[in-house]
Amino acid sequence: VIKKIKDFMNGVQFEMKKVSWPTWDELRGSTMVVLGLSLMLGIFLFVIDFFLSRIVNVVL
């Protein structure tokens, strides 16, 4: 069991060395895109929910 864990961890280390990590500028830019799109989606869903709830209240 211990040998399997060691082999797994060695494999993980080997694969992590192959990863192409983004630069800080790329990371910051990608984070801003995700946050901006999340904010826009949240506002969009809020507006849709608001108007649909108003329509349902008028109909009922």
PDB file of N, CA and C in Angstrom:
ATOM      1  N   VAL A   1       0.833  -1.193   0.000  1.00  0.00           N
ATOM      2  CA  VAL A   1       0.000   0.000   0.000  1.00  0.00           C
ATOM      3  C   VAL A   1       0.875   1.253   0.000  1.00  0.00           C
ATOM      4  N   ILE A   2       1.915   1.274   0.837  1.00  0.00           N
ATOM      5  CA  ILE A   2       2.812   2.435   0.904  1.00  0.00           C
ATOM      6  C   ILE A   2       3.514   2.637  -0.439  1.00  0.00           C
ATOM      7  N   LYS A   3       3.923   1.512  -1.075  1.00  0.00           N
ATOM      8  CA  LYS A   3       4.615   1.620  -2.363  1.00  0.00           C
ATOM      9  C   LYS A   3       3.692   2.215  -3.419  1.00  0.00           C
ATOM     10  N   LYS A   4       2.413   1.855  -3.402  1.00  0.00           N
ATOM     11  CA  LYS A   4       1.463   2.404  -4.373  1.00  0.00           C
ATOM     12  C   LYS A   4       1.296   3.911  -4.172  1.00  0.00           C
ATOM     13  N   ILE A   5       1.257   4.332  -2.915  1.00  0.00           N
ATOM     14  CA  ILE A   5       1.129   5.763  -2.626  1.00  0.00           C
ATOM     15  C   ILE A   5       2.359   6.514  -3.099  1.00  0.00           C
ATOM     16  N   LYS A   6       3.554   5.955  -2.831  1.00  0.00           N
ATOM     17  CA  LYS A   6       4.795   6.589  -3.287  1.00  0.00           C
ATOM     18  C   LYS A   6       4.841   6.673  -4.808  1.00  0.00           C
ATOM     19  N   ASP A   7       4.447   5.574  -5.491  1.00  0.00           N
ATOM     20  CA  ASP A   7       4.434   5.572  -6.956  1.00  0.00           C
ATOM     21  C   ASP A   7       3.467   6.622  -7.492  1.00  0.00           C
ATOM     22  N   PHE A   8       2.302   6.711  -6.844  1.00  0.00           N
ATOM     23  CA  PHE A   8       1.316   7.710  -7.267  1.00  0.00           C
ATOM     24  C   PHE A   8       1.873   9.118  -7.104  1.00  0.00           C
ATOM     25  N   MET A   9       2.474   9.404  -5.959  1.00  0.00           N
ATOM     26  CA  MET A   9       3.012  10.742  -5.707  1.00  0.00           C
ATOM     27  C   MET A   9       4.153  11.067  -6.669  1.00  0.00           C
ATOM     28  N   ASN A  10       4.984  10.089  -6.977  1.00  0.00           N
ATOM     29  CA  ASN A  10       6.048  10.308  -7.958  1.00  0.00           C
ATOM     30  C   ASN A  10       5.463  10.621  -9.328  1.00  0.00           C
ATOM     31  N   GLY A  11       4.390   9.921  -9.699  1.00  0.00           N
ATOM     32  CA  GLY A  11       3.718  10.190 -10.967  1.00  0.00           C
ATOM     33  C   GLY A  11       3.125  11.593 -10.995  1.00  0.00           C
ATOM     34  N   VAL A  12       2.544  12.002  -9.866  1.00  0.00           N
ATOM     35  CA  VAL A  12       1.972  13.347  -9.781  1.00  0.00           C
ATOM     36  C   VAL A  12       3.058  14.391  -9.958  1.00  0.00           C
ATOM     37  N   GLN A  13       4.187  14.225  -9.267  1.00  0.00           N
ATOM     38  CA  GLN A  13       5.290  15.182  -9.392  1.00  0.00           C
ATOM     39  C   GLN A  13       5.792  15.249 -10.836  1.00  0.00           C
ATOM     40  N   PHE A  14       5.906  14.087 -11.471  1.00  0.00           N
ATOM     41  CA  PHE A  14       6.378  14.032 -12.851  1.00  0.00           C
ATOM     42  C   PHE A  14       5.429  14.802 -13.774  1.00  0.00           C
ATOM     43  N   GLU A  15       4.137  14.590 -13.624  1.00  0.00           N
ATOM     44  CA  GLU A  15       3.152  15.258 -14.467  1.00  0.00           C
ATOM     45  C   GLU A  15       3.088  16.760 -14.176  1.00  0.00           C
ATOM     46  N   MET A  16       3.246  17.155 -12.927  1.00  0.00           N
ATOM     47  CA  MET A  16       3.196  18.573 -12.569  1.00  0.00           C
ATOM     48  C   MET A  16       4.346  19.342 -13.214  1.00  0.00           C
ATOM     49  N   LYS A  17       5.470  18.689 -13.437  1.00  0.00           N
ATOM     50  CA  LYS A  17       6.597  19.355 -14.086  1.00  0.00           C
ATOM     51  C   LYS A  17       6.313  19.619 -15.564  1.00  0.00           C
ATOM     52  N   LYS A  18       5.370  18.865 -16.159  1.00  0.00           N
ATOM     53  CA  LYS A  18       5.032  19.038 -17.564  1.00  0.00           C
ATOM     54  C   LYS A  18       4.018  20.163 -17.789  1.00  0.00           C
ATOM     55  N   VAL A  19       3.364  20.590 -16.726  1.00  0.00           N
ATOM     56  CA  VAL A  19       2.288  21.572 -16.853  1.00  0.00           C
ATOM     57  C   VAL A  19       2.855  22.928 -17.271  1.00  0.00           C
ATOM     58  N   SER A  20       2.155  23.565 -18.195  1.00  0.00           N
ATOM     59  CA  SER A  20       2.519  24.916 -18.627  1.00  0.00           C
ATOM     60  C   SER A  20       1.685  25.895 -17.805  1.00  0.00           C
ATOM     61  N   TRP A  21       2.292  26.484 -16.785  1.00  0.00           N
ATOM     62  CA  TRP A  21       1.566  27.378 -15.885  1.00  0.00           C
ATOM     63  C   TRP A  21       1.454  28.762 -16.496  1.00  0.00           C
ATOM     64  N   PRO A  22       0.313  29.443 -16.303  1.00  0.00           N
ATOM     65  CA  PRO A  22       0.165  30.796 -16.856  1.00  0.00           C
ATOM     66  C   PRO A  22       1.022  31.803 -16.096  1.00  0.00           C
ATOM     67  N   THR A  23       1.354  32.881 -16.781  1.00  0.00           N
ATOM     68  CA  THR A  23       2.077  33.962 -16.112  1.00  0.00           C
ATOM     69  C   THR A  23       1.087  34.711 -15.221  1.00  0.00           C
ATOM     70  N   TRP A  24       1.606  35.580 -14.339  1.00  0.00           N
ATOM     71  CA  TRP A  24       0.728  36.354 -13.458  1.00  0.00           C
ATOM     72  C   TRP A  24      -0.208  37.249 -14.245  1.00  0.00           C
ATOM     73  N   ASP A  25       0.293  37.820 -15.354  1.00  0.00           N
ATOM     74  CA  ASP A  25      -0.548  38.684 -16.189  1.00  0.00           C
ATOM     75  C   ASP A  25      -1.683  37.890 -16.843  1.00  0.00           C
ATOM     76  N   GLU A  26      -1.358  36.695 -17.352  1.00  0.00           N
ATOM     77  CA  GLU A  26      -2.395  35.841 -17.941  1.00  0.00           C
ATOM     78  C   GLU A  26      -3.415  35.415 -16.889  1.00  0.00           C
ATOM     79  N   LEU A  27      -2.933  35.073 -15.720  1.00  0.00           N
ATOM     80  CA  LEU A  27      -3.812  34.653 -14.629  1.00  0.00           C
ATOM     81  C   LEU A  27      -4.741  35.787 -14.209  1.00  0.00           C
ATOM     82  N   ARG A  28      -4.178  36.977 -14.075  1.00  0.00           N
ATOM     83  CA  ARG A  28      -4.973  38.148 -13.681  1.00  0.00           C
ATOM     84  C   ARG A  28      -6.021  38.457 -14.749  1.00  0.00           C
ATOM     85  N   GLY A  29      -5.623  38.397 -16.015  1.00  0.00           N
ATOM     86  CA  GLY A  29      -6.560  38.666 -17.108  1.00  0.00           C
ATOM     87  C   GLY A  29      -7.692  37.641 -17.152  1.00  0.00           C
ATOM     88  N   SER A  30      -7.352  36.382 -17.014  1.00  0.00           N
ATOM     89  CA  SER A  30      -8.376  35.333 -17.023  1.00  0.00           C
ATOM     90  C   SER A  30      -9.323  35.476 -15.840  1.00  0.00           C
ATOM     91  N   THR A  31      -8.778  35.836 -14.687  1.00  0.00           N
ATOM     92  CA  THR A  31      -9.609  36.024 -13.496  1.00  0.00           C
ATOM     93  C   THR A  31     -10.580  37.171 -13.700  1.00  0.00           C
ATOM     94  N   MET A  32     -10.113  38.254 -14.293  1.00  0.00           N
ATOM     95  CA  MET A  32     -10.989  39.399 -14.556  1.00  0.00           C
ATOM     96  C   MET A  32     -12.104  39.028 -15.542  1.00  0.00           C
ATOM     97  N   VAL A  33     -11.786  38.233 -16.542  1.00  0.00           N
ATOM     98  CA  VAL A  33     -12.803  37.796 -17.503  1.00  0.00           C
ATOM     99  C   VAL A  33     -13.867  36.964 -16.794  1.00  0.00           C
ATOM    100  N   VAL A  34     -13.444  36.026 -15.965  1.00  0.00           N
ATOM    101  CA  VAL A  34     -14.388  35.169 -15.244  1.00  0.00           C
ATOM    102  C   VAL A  34     -15.251  35.999 -14.303  1.00  0.00           C
ATOM    103  N   LEU A  35     -14.648  36.903 -13.555  1.00  0.00           N
ATOM    104  CA  LEU A  35     -15.422  37.737 -12.631  1.00  0.00           C
ATOM    105  C   LEU A  35     -16.396  38.647 -13.381  1.00  0.00           C
ATOM    106  N   GLY A  36     -15.942  39.229 -14.476  1.00  0.00           N
ATOM    107  CA  GLY A  36     -16.804  40.106 -15.264  1.00  0.00           C
ATOM    108  C   GLY A  36     -17.992  39.356 -15.856  1.00  0.00           C
ATOM    109  N   LEU A  37     -17.732  38.187 -16.443  1.00  0.00           N
ATOM    110  CA  LEU A  37     -18.818  37.404 -17.022  1.00  0.00           C
ATOM    111  C   LEU A  37     -19.778  36.908 -15.946  1.00  0.00           C
ATOM    112  N   SER A  38     -19.257  36.544 -14.788  1.00  0.00           N
ATOM    113  CA  SER A  38     -20.114  36.103 -13.682  1.00  0.00           C
ATOM    114  C   SER A  38     -21.010  37.240 -13.222  1.00  0.00           C
ATOM    115  N   LEU A  39     -20.460  38.433 -13.131  1.00  0.00           N
ATOM    116  CA  LEU A  39     -21.246  39.596 -12.735  1.00  0.00           C
ATOM    117  C   LEU A  39     -22.333  39.895 -13.767  1.00  0.00           C
ATOM    118  N   MET A  40     -21.974  39.862 -15.044  1.00  0.00           N
ATOM    119  CA  MET A  40     -22.956  40.126 -16.093  1.00  0.00           C
ATOM    120  C   MET A  40     -24.065  39.075 -16.088  1.00  0.00           C
ATOM    121  N   LEU A  41     -23.713  37.823 -15.904  1.00  0.00           N
ATOM    122  CA  LEU A  41     -24.719  36.762 -15.850  1.00  0.00           C
ATOM    123  C   LEU A  41     -25.632  36.949 -14.645  1.00  0.00           C
ATOM    124  N   GLY A  42     -25.059  37.307 -13.495  1.00  0.00           N
ATOM    125  CA  GLY A  42     -25.858  37.549 -12.303  1.00  0.00           C
ATOM    126  C   GLY A  42     -26.843  38.683 -12.496  1.00  0.00           C
ATOM    127  N   ILE A  43     -26.390  39.767 -13.106  1.00  0.00           N
ATOM    128  CA  ILE A  43     -27.279  40.905 -13.366  1.00  0.00           C
ATOM    129  C   ILE A  43     -28.373  40.512 -14.362  1.00  0.00           C
ATOM    130  N   PHE A  44     -28.008  39.806 -15.408  1.00  0.00           N
ATOM    131  CA  PHE A  44     -28.971  39.348 -16.401  1.00  0.00           C
ATOM    132  C   PHE A  44     -30.051  38.477 -15.758  1.00  0.00           C
ATOM    133  N   LEU A  45     -29.633  37.507 -14.948  1.00  0.00           N
ATOM    134  CA  LEU A  45     -30.605  36.631 -14.296  1.00  0.00           C
ATOM    135  C   LEU A  45     -31.481  37.400 -13.309  1.00  0.00           C
ATOM    136  N   PHE A  46     -30.901  38.374 -12.625  1.00  0.00           N
ATOM    137  CA  PHE A  46     -31.684  39.204 -11.710  1.00  0.00           C
ATOM    138  C   PHE A  46     -32.779  39.956 -12.460  1.00  0.00           C
ATOM    139  N   VAL A  47     -32.416  40.560 -13.582  1.00  0.00           N
ATOM    140  CA  VAL A  47     -33.377  41.335 -14.366  1.00  0.00           C
ATOM    141  C   VAL A  47     -34.481  40.425 -14.907  1.00  0.00           C
ATOM    142  N   ILE A  48     -34.115  39.283 -15.461  1.00  0.00           N
ATOM    143  CA  ILE A  48     -35.104  38.345 -15.993  1.00  0.00           C
ATOM    144  C   ILE A  48     -36.040  37.882 -14.876  1.00  0.00           C
ATOM    145  N   ASP A  49     -35.488  37.523 -13.735  1.00  0.00           N
ATOM    146  CA  ASP A  49     -36.297  37.078 -12.602  1.00  0.00           C
ATOM    147  C   ASP A  49     -37.231  38.183 -12.126  1.00  0.00           C
ATOM    148  N   PHE A  50     -36.724  39.391 -12.065  1.00  0.00           N
ATOM    149  CA  PHE A  50     -37.520  40.529 -11.601  1.00  0.00           C
ATOM    150  C   PHE A  50     -38.736  40.741 -12.510  1.00  0.00           C
ATOM    151  N   PHE A  51     -38.498  40.791 -13.829  1.00  0.00           N
ATOM    152  CA  PHE A  51     -39.599  41.045 -14.745  1.00  0.00           C
ATOM    153  C   PHE A  51     -40.566  39.866 -14.825  1.00  0.00           C
ATOM    154  N   LEU A  52     -40.055  38.649 -14.789  1.00  0.00           N
ATOM    155  CA  LEU A  52     -40.957  37.498 -14.824  1.00  0.00           C
ATOM    156  C   LEU A  52     -41.826  37.435 -13.573  1.00  0.00           C
ATOM    157  N   SER A  53     -41.260  37.771 -12.413  1.00  0.00           N
ATOM    158  CA  SER A  53     -42.064  37.766 -11.189  1.00  0.00           C
ATOM    159  C   SER A  53     -43.125  38.864 -11.244  1.00  0.00           C
ATOM    160  N   ARG A  54     -42.815  40.021 -11.836  1.00  0.00           N
ATOM    161  CA  ARG A  54     -43.808  41.090 -12.001  1.00  0.00           C
ATOM    162  C   ARG A  54     -44.943  40.645 -12.926  1.00  0.00           C
ATOM    163  N   ILE A  55     -44.577  39.975 -14.015  1.00  0.00           N
ATOM    164  CA  ILE A  55     -45.591  39.498 -14.961  1.00  0.00           C
ATOM    165  C   ILE A  55     -46.501  38.471 -14.290  1.00  0.00           C
ATOM    166  N   VAL A  56     -45.927  37.553 -13.540  1.00  0.00           N
ATOM    167  CA  VAL A  56     -46.727  36.541 -12.856  1.00  0.00           C
ATOM    168  C   VAL A  56     -47.653  37.197 -11.842  1.00  0.00           C
ATOM    169  N   ASN A  57     -47.174  38.195 -11.114  1.00  0.00           N
ATOM    170  CA  ASN A  57     -48.016  38.883 -10.137  1.00  0.00           C
ATOM    171  C   ASN A  57     -49.167  39.635 -10.799  1.00  0.00           C
ATOM    172  N   VAL A  58     -48.939  40.198 -11.981  1.00  0.00           N
ATOM    173  CA  VAL A  58     -50.000  40.910 -12.692  1.00  0.00           C
ATOM    174  C   VAL A  58     -51.047  39.910 -13.192  1.00  0.00           C
ATOM    175  N   VAL A  59     -50.597  38.793 -13.723  1.00  0.00           N
ATOM    176  CA  VAL A  59     -51.510  37.785 -14.261  1.00  0.00           C
ATOM    177  C   VAL A  59     -52.336  37.159 -13.144  1.00  0.00           C
ATOM    178  N   LEU A  60     -51.725  36.880 -12.006  1.00  0.00           N
ATOM    179  CA  LEU A  60     -52.464  36.270 -10.900  1.00  0.00           C
ATOM    180  C   LEU A  60     -53.157  37.357 -10.136  1.00  0.00           C
TER     181      LEU A  60
END
